[in-house]
C-alpha atoms as a PDB file:
ATOM      1  CA  MET A   1     112.227  49.203 111.007  1.00  0.00           C
ATOM      2  CA  SER A   2     110.234  47.826 108.102  1.00  0.00           C
ATOM      3  CA  PHE A   3     113.459  47.480 106.118  1.00  0.00           C
ATOM      4  CA  LEU A   4     114.925  45.309 108.869  1.00  0.00           C
ATOM      5  CA  PHE A   5     112.045  42.851 108.768  1.00  0.00           C
ATOM      6  CA  ASN A   6     111.758  42.876 104.979  1.00  0.00           C
ATOM      7  CA  SER A   7     115.462  42.132 104.556  1.00  0.00           C
ATOM      8  CA  MET A   8     115.389  39.169 106.952  1.00  0.00           C
ATOM      9  CA  PRO A   9     115.440  35.725 105.382  1.00  0.00           C
ATOM     10  CA  LEU A  10     112.034  34.069 105.423  1.00  0.00           C
ATOM     11  CA  PRO A  11     112.917  31.232 107.857  1.00  0.00           C
ATOM     12  CA  LEU A  12     114.372  33.677 110.395  1.00  0.00           C
ATOM     13  CA  TYR A  13     111.337  35.939 110.081  1.00  0.00           C
ATOM     14  CA  LEU A  14     108.989  33.000 110.633  1.00  0.00           C
ATOM     15  CA  LEU A  15     111.045  31.813 113.585  1.00  0.00           C
ATOM     16  CA  ILE A  16     110.743  35.224 115.242  1.00  0.00           C
ATOM     17  CA  ALA A  17     107.066  35.775 114.388  1.00  0.00           C
ATOM     18  CA  TRP A  18     105.720  32.294 115.060  1.00  0.00           C
ATOM     19  CA  GLY A  19     108.194  31.412 117.795  1.00  0.00           C
ATOM     20  CA  GLY A  20     107.309  34.522 119.747  1.00  0.00           C
ATOM     21  CA  ALA A  21     103.596  33.919 119.304  1.00  0.00           C
ATOM     22  CA  ILE A  22     103.813  30.270 120.320  1.00  0.00           C
ATOM     23  CA  GLY A  23     106.090  31.009 123.276  1.00  0.00           C
ATOM     24  CA  LEU A  24     103.923  33.826 124.581  1.00  0.00           C
ATOM     25  CA  SER A  25     100.696  31.859 124.152  1.00  0.00           C
ATOM     26  CA  THR A  26     102.167  28.762 125.782  1.00  0.00           C
ATOM     27  CA  TYR A  27     103.443  30.713 128.773  1.00  0.00           C
ATOM     28  CA  PHE A  28     100.132  32.432 129.399  1.00  0.00           C
ATOM     29  CA  LEU A  29      98.057  29.294 128.817  1.00  0.00           C
ATOM     30  CA  LYS A  30     100.198  27.301 131.262  1.00  0.00           C
ATOM     31  CA  ASN A  31      99.659  29.978 133.903  1.00  0.00           C
ATOM     32  CA  THR A  32      95.958  30.672 133.367  1.00  0.00           C
ATOM     33  CA  HIS A  33      95.379  30.636 137.105  1.00  0.00           C
ATOM     34  CA  LYS A  34      97.586  33.744 137.523  1.00  0.00           C
ATOM     35  CA  TYR A  35      95.915  35.907 134.864  1.00  0.00           C
ATOM     36  CA  ASN A  36      92.327  36.939 134.289  1.00  0.00           C
ATOM     37  CA  LYS A  37      90.389  35.934 131.187  1.00  0.00           C
ATOM     38  CA  ILE A  38      90.389  39.391 129.598  1.00  0.00           C
ATOM     39  CA  MET A  39      94.176  39.552 129.733  1.00  0.00           C
ATOM     40  CA  LEU A  40      94.440  36.049 128.261  1.00  0.00           C
ATOM     41  CA  LEU A  41      92.097  37.033 125.432  1.00  0.00           C
ATOM     42  CA  GLY A  42      94.284  40.034 124.660  1.00  0.00           C
ATOM     43  CA  ILE A  43      97.451  37.935 124.568  1.00  0.00           C
ATOM     44  CA  LEU A  44      95.826  35.323 122.331  1.00  0.00           C
ATOM     45  CA  LEU A  45      94.627  38.022 119.921  1.00  0.00           C
ATOM     46  CA  LEU A  46      98.098  39.565 119.771  1.00  0.00           C
ATOM     47  CA  SER A  47      99.644  36.134 119.198  1.00  0.00           C
ATOM     48  CA  SER A  48      97.202  35.437 116.388  1.00  0.00           C
ATOM     49  CA  SER A  49      98.245  38.722 114.816  1.00  0.00           C
ATOM     50  CA  SER A  50     101.874  37.599 114.841  1.00  0.00           C
ATOM     51  CA  PHE A  51     100.880  34.271 113.307  1.00  0.00           C
ATOM     52  CA  PHE A  52      98.948  35.942 110.476  1.00  0.00           C
ATOM     53  CA  VAL A  53     101.822  38.347 109.806  1.00  0.00           C
ATOM     54  CA  GLY A  54     104.047  35.300 109.276  1.00  0.00           C
ATOM     55  CA  ILE A  55     101.522  33.840 106.835  1.00  0.00           C
ATOM     56  CA  LEU A  56     101.336  37.202 105.092  1.00  0.00           C
ATOM     57  CA  ARG A  57     105.121  37.230 104.704  1.00  0.00           C
ATOM     58  CA  ILE A  58     105.010  33.733 103.158  1.00  0.00           C
ATOM     59  CA  ILE A  59     102.315  34.831 100.719  1.00  0.00           C
ATOM     60  CA  SER A  60     104.251  37.971  99.797  1.00  0.00           C
ATOM     61  CA  SER A  61     107.634  36.275  99.438  1.00  0.00           C
ATOM     62  CA  LEU A  62     106.516  33.227  97.497  1.00  0.00           C
ATOM     63  CA  GLU A  63     103.692  34.988  95.632  1.00  0.00           C
ATOM     64  CA  LEU A  64     101.189  32.319  96.573  1.00  0.00           C
ATOM     65  CA  PHE A  65      97.455  32.747  97.117  1.00  0.00           C
ATOM     66  CA  GLN A  66      97.479  36.414  96.151  1.00  0.00           C
ATOM     67  CA  LYS A  67      93.680  36.546  96.118  1.00  0.00           C
ATOM     68  CA  TYR A  68      93.644  35.879  99.882  1.00  0.00           C
ATOM     69  CA  LYS A  69      96.286  38.479 100.722  1.00  0.00           C
ATOM     70  CA  GLU A  70      93.815  41.244 101.651  1.00  0.00           C
ATOM     71  CA  LYS A  71      91.804  38.936 103.912  1.00  0.00           C
ATOM     72  CA  ILE A  72      94.915  37.824 105.777  1.00  0.00           C
ATOM     73  CA  GLU A  73      96.014  41.465 106.155  1.00  0.00           C
ATOM     74  CA  ILE A  74      92.666  42.201 107.810  1.00  0.00           C
ATOM     75  CA  LEU A  75      93.071  39.209 110.135  1.00  0.00           C
ATOM     76  CA  ALA A  76      96.544  40.406 111.104  1.00  0.00           C
ATOM     77  CA  ILE A  77      95.228  43.888 111.874  1.00  0.00           C
ATOM     78  CA  LEU A  78      92.291  42.493 113.860  1.00  0.00           C
ATOM     79  CA  GLY A  79      94.796  40.835 116.175  1.00  0.00           C
ATOM     80  CA  PHE A  80      95.769  44.270 117.427  1.00  0.00           C
ATOM     81  CA  LEU A  81      92.372  44.460 119.111  1.00  0.00           C
ATOM     82  CA  GLY A  82      94.130  42.476 121.813  1.00  0.00           C
ATOM     83  CA  ILE A  83      95.970  45.582 122.982  1.00  0.00           C
ATOM     84  CA  PRO A  84      92.929  47.148 124.709  1.00  0.00           C
ATOM     85  CA  PHE A  85      91.938  43.767 126.163  1.00  0.00           C
ATOM     86  CA  PHE A  86      95.448  43.325 127.541  1.00  0.00           C
ATOM     87  CA  MET A  87      95.384  46.843 129.006  1.00  0.00           C
ATOM     88  CA  ILE A  88      91.991  46.354 130.648  1.00  0.00           C
ATOM     89  CA  GLY A  89      92.921  42.921 131.965  1.00  0.00           C
ATOM     90  CA  SER A  90      96.198  44.086 133.434  1.00  0.00           C
ATOM     91  CA  TYR A  91      94.465  46.968 135.224  1.00  0.00           C
ATOM     92  CA  ILE A  92      91.754  44.660 136.593  1.00  0.00           C
ATOM     93  CA  GLN A  93      94.412  42.294 137.896  1.00  0.00           C
ATOM     94  CA  VAL A  94      96.212  44.957 139.980  1.00  0.00           C
ATOM     95  CA  LYS A  95      93.339  47.273 140.894  1.00  0.00           C
ATOM     96  CA  ASP A  96      93.601  46.415 144.611  1.00  0.00           C
ATOM     97  CA  ASP A  97      97.374  46.946 144.951  1.00  0.00           C
ATOM     98  CA  PRO A  98      98.148  50.698 144.770  1.00  0.00           C
ATOM     99  CA  GLU A  99     101.872  50.289 144.071  1.00  0.00           C
ATOM    100  CA  LYS A 100     101.420  47.839 141.216  1.00  0.00           C
ATOM    101  CA  ARG A 101      98.536  49.921 139.908  1.00  0.00           C
ATOM    102  CA  LYS A 102     100.845  52.931 139.489  1.00  0.00           C
ATOM    103  CA  ILE A 103     103.330  50.803 137.543  1.00  0.00           C
ATOM    104  CA  VAL A 104     100.582  49.383 135.331  1.00  0.00           C
ATOM    105  CA  ILE A 105      99.115  52.830 134.649  1.00  0.00           C
ATOM    106  CA  PHE A 106     102.572  54.130 133.709  1.00  0.00           C
ATOM    107  CA  GLY A 107     103.137  51.120 131.441  1.00  0.00           C
ATOM    108  CA  LEU A 108      99.713  51.543 129.856  1.00  0.00           C
ATOM    109  CA  GLY A 109     100.488  55.191 129.206  1.00  0.00           C
ATOM    110  CA  LEU A 110     103.700  54.193 127.450  1.00  0.00           C
ATOM    111  CA  LEU A 111     101.808  51.577 125.450  1.00  0.00           C
ATOM    112  CA  ILE A 112      99.189  54.112 124.387  1.00  0.00           C
ATOM    113  CA  LEU A 113     101.949  56.556 123.420  1.00  0.00           C
ATOM    114  CA  ALA A 114     103.645  53.832 121.347  1.00  0.00           C
ATOM    115  CA  CYS A 115     100.343  52.992 119.620  1.00  0.00           C
ATOM    116  CA  ILE A 116      99.718  56.659 118.810  1.00  0.00           C
ATOM    117  CA  THR A 117     103.268  57.061 117.479  1.00  0.00           C
ATOM    118  CA  PHE A 118     102.897  53.932 115.349  1.00  0.00           C
ATOM    119  CA  THR A 119      99.546  55.145 113.987  1.00  0.00           C
ATOM    120  CA  ILE A 120     100.974  58.530 113.088  1.00  0.00           C
ATOM    121  CA  SER A 121     103.981  56.977 111.344  1.00  0.00           C
ATOM    122  CA  VAL A 122     101.717  54.633 109.355  1.00  0.00           C
ATOM    123  CA  ALA A 123      99.446  57.539 108.398  1.00  0.00           C
ATOM    124  CA  ILE A 124     102.439  59.599 107.247  1.00  0.00           C
ATOM    125  CA  ALA A 125     103.733  56.639 105.233  1.00  0.00           C
ATOM    126  CA  PHE A 126     100.358  56.184 103.527  1.00  0.00           C
ATOM    127  CA  LEU A 127     100.031  59.910 102.814  1.00  0.00           C
ATOM    128  CA  GLY A 128     103.493  59.902 101.286  1.00  0.00           C
ATOM    129  CA  LYS A 129     102.534  57.273  98.685  1.00  0.00           C
END
Protein backbone atom coordinates (compact mmCIF):
# COMPACT_ATOMS: atom_id res chain seq x y z
CA MET A 1 0.00 0.00 0.00
CA SER A 2 2.84 2.37 0.79
CA PHE A 3 4.25 1.75 -2.69
CA LEU A 4 0.96 2.87 -4.23
CA PHE A 5 1.00 6.20 -2.44
CA ASN A 6 4.72 6.76 -2.92
CA SER A 7 4.48 6.14 -6.66
CA MET A 8 1.60 8.59 -7.12
CA PRO A 9 2.46 11.94 -8.65
CA LEU A 10 2.59 14.72 -6.08
CA PRO A 11 -0.44 16.70 -7.37
CA LEU A 12 -2.65 13.59 -7.37
CA TYR A 13 -1.49 12.66 -3.87
CA LEU A 14 -2.25 16.16 -2.61
CA LEU A 15 -5.64 16.13 -4.31
CA ILE A 16 -6.56 12.89 -2.55
CA ALA A 17 -5.11 13.84 0.85
CA TRP A 18 -6.23 17.46 1.04
CA GLY A 19 -9.40 17.01 -0.99
CA GLY A 20 -10.59 14.23 1.27
CA ALA A 21 -9.75 16.20 4.39
CA ILE A 22 -11.46 19.36 3.15
CA GLY A 23 -14.51 17.46 1.89
CA LEU A 24 -14.94 15.50 5.10
CA SER A 25 -14.45 18.56 7.32
CA THR A 26 -16.82 20.66 5.23
CA TYR A 27 -19.54 18.02 5.32
CA PHE A 28 -19.36 17.57 9.07
CA LEU A 29 -19.10 21.30 9.80
CA LYS A 30 -22.15 22.04 7.64
CA ASN A 31 -24.14 19.44 9.57
CA THR A 32 -22.97 20.23 13.10
CA HIS A 33 -26.52 20.00 14.36
CA LYS A 34 -26.65 16.27 13.47
CA TYR A 35 -23.42 15.23 15.22
CA ASN A 36 -22.17 15.67 18.75
CA LYS A 37 -19.07 17.70 19.57
CA ILE A 38 -16.87 14.72 20.43
CA MET A 39 -17.50 13.16 17.03
CA LEU A 40 -16.77 16.48 15.31
CA LEU A 41 -13.51 16.79 17.23
CA GLY A 42 -12.49 13.32 16.09
CA ILE A 43 -13.25 14.10 12.45
CA LEU A 44 -11.34 17.39 12.61
CA LEU A 45 -8.32 15.65 14.15
CA LEU A 46 -8.37 12.97 11.45
CA SER A 47 -8.68 15.63 8.75
CA SER A 48 -5.74 17.53 10.20
CA SER A 49 -3.73 14.32 10.05
CA SER A 50 -4.48 14.01 6.33
CA PHE A 51 -3.48 17.64 5.81
CA PHE A 52 -0.14 17.17 7.59
CA VAL A 53 0.57 13.98 5.64
CA GLY A 54 0.19 16.04 2.45
CA ILE A 55 2.64 18.62 3.79
CA LEU A 56 5.00 15.81 4.76
CA ARG A 57 4.85 14.44 1.21
CA ILE A 58 5.71 17.90 -0.18
CA ILE A 59 8.66 18.19 2.18
CA SER A 60 9.88 14.70 1.29
CA SER A 61 9.44 15.06 -2.47
CA LEU A 62 10.90 18.53 -2.86
CA GLU A 63 13.44 18.18 -0.04
CA LEU A 64 12.37 21.44 1.54
CA PHE A 65 12.45 22.35 5.23
CA GLN A 66 14.08 19.09 6.26
CA LYS A 67 14.67 20.37 9.79
CA TYR A 68 10.89 20.52 10.34
CA LYS A 69 10.19 17.05 8.97
CA GLU A 70 10.16 15.29 12.36
CA LYS A 71 7.81 17.87 13.87
CA ILE A 72 5.35 17.52 11.01
CA GLU A 73 5.52 13.71 11.31
CA ILE A 74 4.52 14.05 14.97
CA LEU A 75 1.63 16.37 14.04
CA ALA A 76 0.43 13.86 11.45
CA ILE A 77 0.53 11.04 13.99
CA LEU A 78 -1.25 13.16 16.61
CA GLY A 79 -4.17 13.47 14.21
CA PHE A 80 -4.87 9.79 14.73
CA LEU A 81 -6.00 10.65 18.25
CA GLY A 82 -9.24 11.49 16.50
CA ILE A 83 -10.05 7.80 16.09
CA PRO A 84 -11.00 7.26 19.76
CA PHE A 85 -12.92 10.56 19.81
CA PHE A 86 -14.83 9.50 16.71
CA MET A 87 -15.58 6.09 18.26
CA ILE A 88 -16.80 7.58 21.54
CA GLY A 89 -18.86 10.24 19.78
CA SER A 90 -20.52 7.77 17.45
CA TYR A 91 -21.47 5.53 20.38
CA ILE A 92 -22.86 8.48 22.36
CA GLN A 93 -24.95 9.52 19.37
CA VAL A 94 -26.72 6.14 19.04
CA LYS A 95 -26.77 4.94 22.64
CA ASP A 96 -30.58 5.17 22.85
CA ASP A 97 -31.34 3.25 19.63
CA PRO A 98 -30.56 -0.47 20.16
CA GLU A 99 -30.48 -1.38 16.46
CA LYS A 100 -28.10 1.41 15.47
CA ARG A 101 -26.04 0.72 18.57
CA LYS A 102 -25.38 -2.85 17.39
CA ILE A 103 -24.24 -1.56 13.99
CA VAL A 104 -21.98 1.04 15.60
CA ILE A 105 -20.45 -1.51 17.98
CA PHE A 106 -19.78 -3.86 15.06
CA GLY A 107 -18.22 -1.01 13.07
CA LEU A 108 -16.12 0.06 16.04
CA GLY A 109 -14.91 -3.50 16.44
CA LEU A 110 -13.84 -3.54 12.80
CA LEU A 111 -12.13 -0.18 13.25
CA ILE A 112 -10.25 -1.42 16.31
CA LEU A 113 -9.23 -4.56 14.41
CA ALA A 114 -7.97 -2.41 11.52
CA CYS A 115 -5.99 -0.21 13.92
CA ILE A 116 -4.42 -3.25 15.58
CA THR A 117 -3.55 -4.76 12.19
CA PHE A 118 -2.02 -1.47 11.05
CA THR A 119 0.01 -1.18 14.27
CA ILE A 120 1.32 -4.71 13.93
CA SER A 121 2.30 -4.17 10.29
CA VAL A 122 4.11 -0.92 11.18
CA ALA A 123 5.90 -2.64 14.06
CA ILE A 124 6.99 -5.50 11.78
CA ALA A 125 8.21 -2.99 9.19
CA PHE A 126 10.25 -1.12 11.80
CA LEU A 127 11.70 -4.34 13.22
CA GLY A 128 12.70 -5.41 9.73
CA LYS A 129 14.86 -2.31 9.21
